[in-house]
Amino acid sequence: MLATVLASRQTYLEQILSNPLAEENTKAIKGLVEGILEQDVVFQSKIQDQKNKIIELQSLLERGRRAVQAYNGQ
């Protein structure tokens, strides 16, 4: 889902920024970009949390596999 959000956001930003900005829109666009940067911080934090969980589960799975191999080897 994140990939879809990022692709949509990229397309939207490219459309907005492809033309010269009117002076009255500059502040709004700046706020939009700052909001996106804030979202990125949240996304990165969530991604890192998920990555850590996956690493932990992978380690647990590997220990289980080694235990099964050791058991079968006896």
Protein backbone atom coordinates (compact mmCIF):
# COMPACT_ATOMS: atom_id res chain seq x y z
CA MET A 1 0.00 0.00 0.00
CA LEU A 2 2.88 2.35 0.76
CA ALA A 3 4.22 1.96 -2.77
CA THR A 4 0.84 3.03 -4.16
CA VAL A 5 0.72 6.09 -1.90
CA LEU A 6 4.25 7.09 -2.87
CA ALA A 7 3.60 6.66 -6.59
CA SER A 8 0.38 8.70 -6.41
CA ARG A 9 2.09 11.39 -4.40
CA GLN A 10 4.98 11.55 -6.89
CA THR A 11 2.60 11.92 -9.83
CA TYR A 12 0.63 14.63 -8.01
CA LEU A 13 3.76 16.60 -7.13
CA GLU A 14 5.10 16.34 -10.67
CA GLN A 15 1.84 17.74 -12.01
CA ILE A 16 1.81 20.63 -9.54
CA LEU A 17 5.46 21.53 -9.91
CA SER A 18 5.71 21.12 -13.70
CA ASN A 19 4.36 24.64 -14.22
CA PRO A 20 5.63 27.89 -12.73
CA LEU A 21 3.97 28.63 -9.41
CA ALA A 22 1.91 31.73 -8.90
CA GLU A 23 3.14 33.84 -6.00
CA GLU A 24 -0.07 33.29 -4.03
CA ASN A 25 0.33 29.49 -4.32
CA THR A 26 3.91 29.36 -3.09
CA LYS A 27 2.96 29.34 0.60
CA ALA A 28 0.38 26.59 0.09
CA ILE A 29 2.83 24.44 -1.88
CA LYS A 30 5.49 24.98 0.77
CA GLY A 31 3.01 23.80 3.43
CA LEU A 32 2.16 20.78 1.30
CA VAL A 33 5.81 19.80 0.91
CA GLU A 34 6.44 20.27 4.64
CA GLY A 35 3.45 18.04 5.38
CA ILE A 36 4.83 15.39 3.06
CA LEU A 37 8.19 15.52 4.82
CA GLU A 38 6.44 15.05 8.16
CA GLN A 39 4.55 12.07 6.75
CA ASP A 40 7.83 10.61 5.54
CA VAL A 41 9.23 10.71 9.07
CA VAL A 42 6.19 8.78 10.33
CA PHE A 43 6.39 6.30 7.44
CA GLN A 44 10.09 5.71 8.01
CA SER A 45 9.49 5.05 11.68
CA LYS A 46 6.72 2.54 10.91
CA ILE A 47 8.82 0.87 8.24
CA GLN A 48 11.75 0.54 10.64
CA ASP A 49 9.45 -0.98 13.27
CA GLN A 50 8.15 -3.51 10.75
CA LYS A 51 11.67 -4.27 9.58
CA ASN A 52 12.76 -4.95 13.16
CA LYS A 53 9.78 -7.27 13.70
CA ILE A 54 10.60 -9.18 10.52
CA ILE A 55 14.24 -9.54 11.57
CA GLU A 56 13.12 -10.85 14.95
CA LEU A 57 10.70 -13.34 13.36
CA GLN A 58 13.31 -14.46 10.87
CA SER A 59 15.75 -15.10 13.70
CA LEU A 60 13.12 -17.06 15.60
CA LEU A 61 12.33 -19.11 12.50
CA GLU A 62 16.00 -19.86 11.93
CA ARG A 63 16.44 -21.01 15.54
CA GLY A 64 13.41 -23.26 15.12
CA ARG A 65 14.84 -24.75 11.94
CA ARG A 66 18.17 -25.44 13.64
CA ALA A 67 16.35 -27.07 16.55
CA VAL A 68 14.38 -29.30 14.18
CA GLN A 69 17.56 -30.22 12.28
CA ALA A 70 19.33 -31.02 15.55
CA TYR A 71 16.40 -33.13 16.70
CA ASN A 72 16.24 -35.00 13.39
CA GLY A 73 20.00 -35.58 13.44
CA GLN A 74 19.92 -37.47 16.71
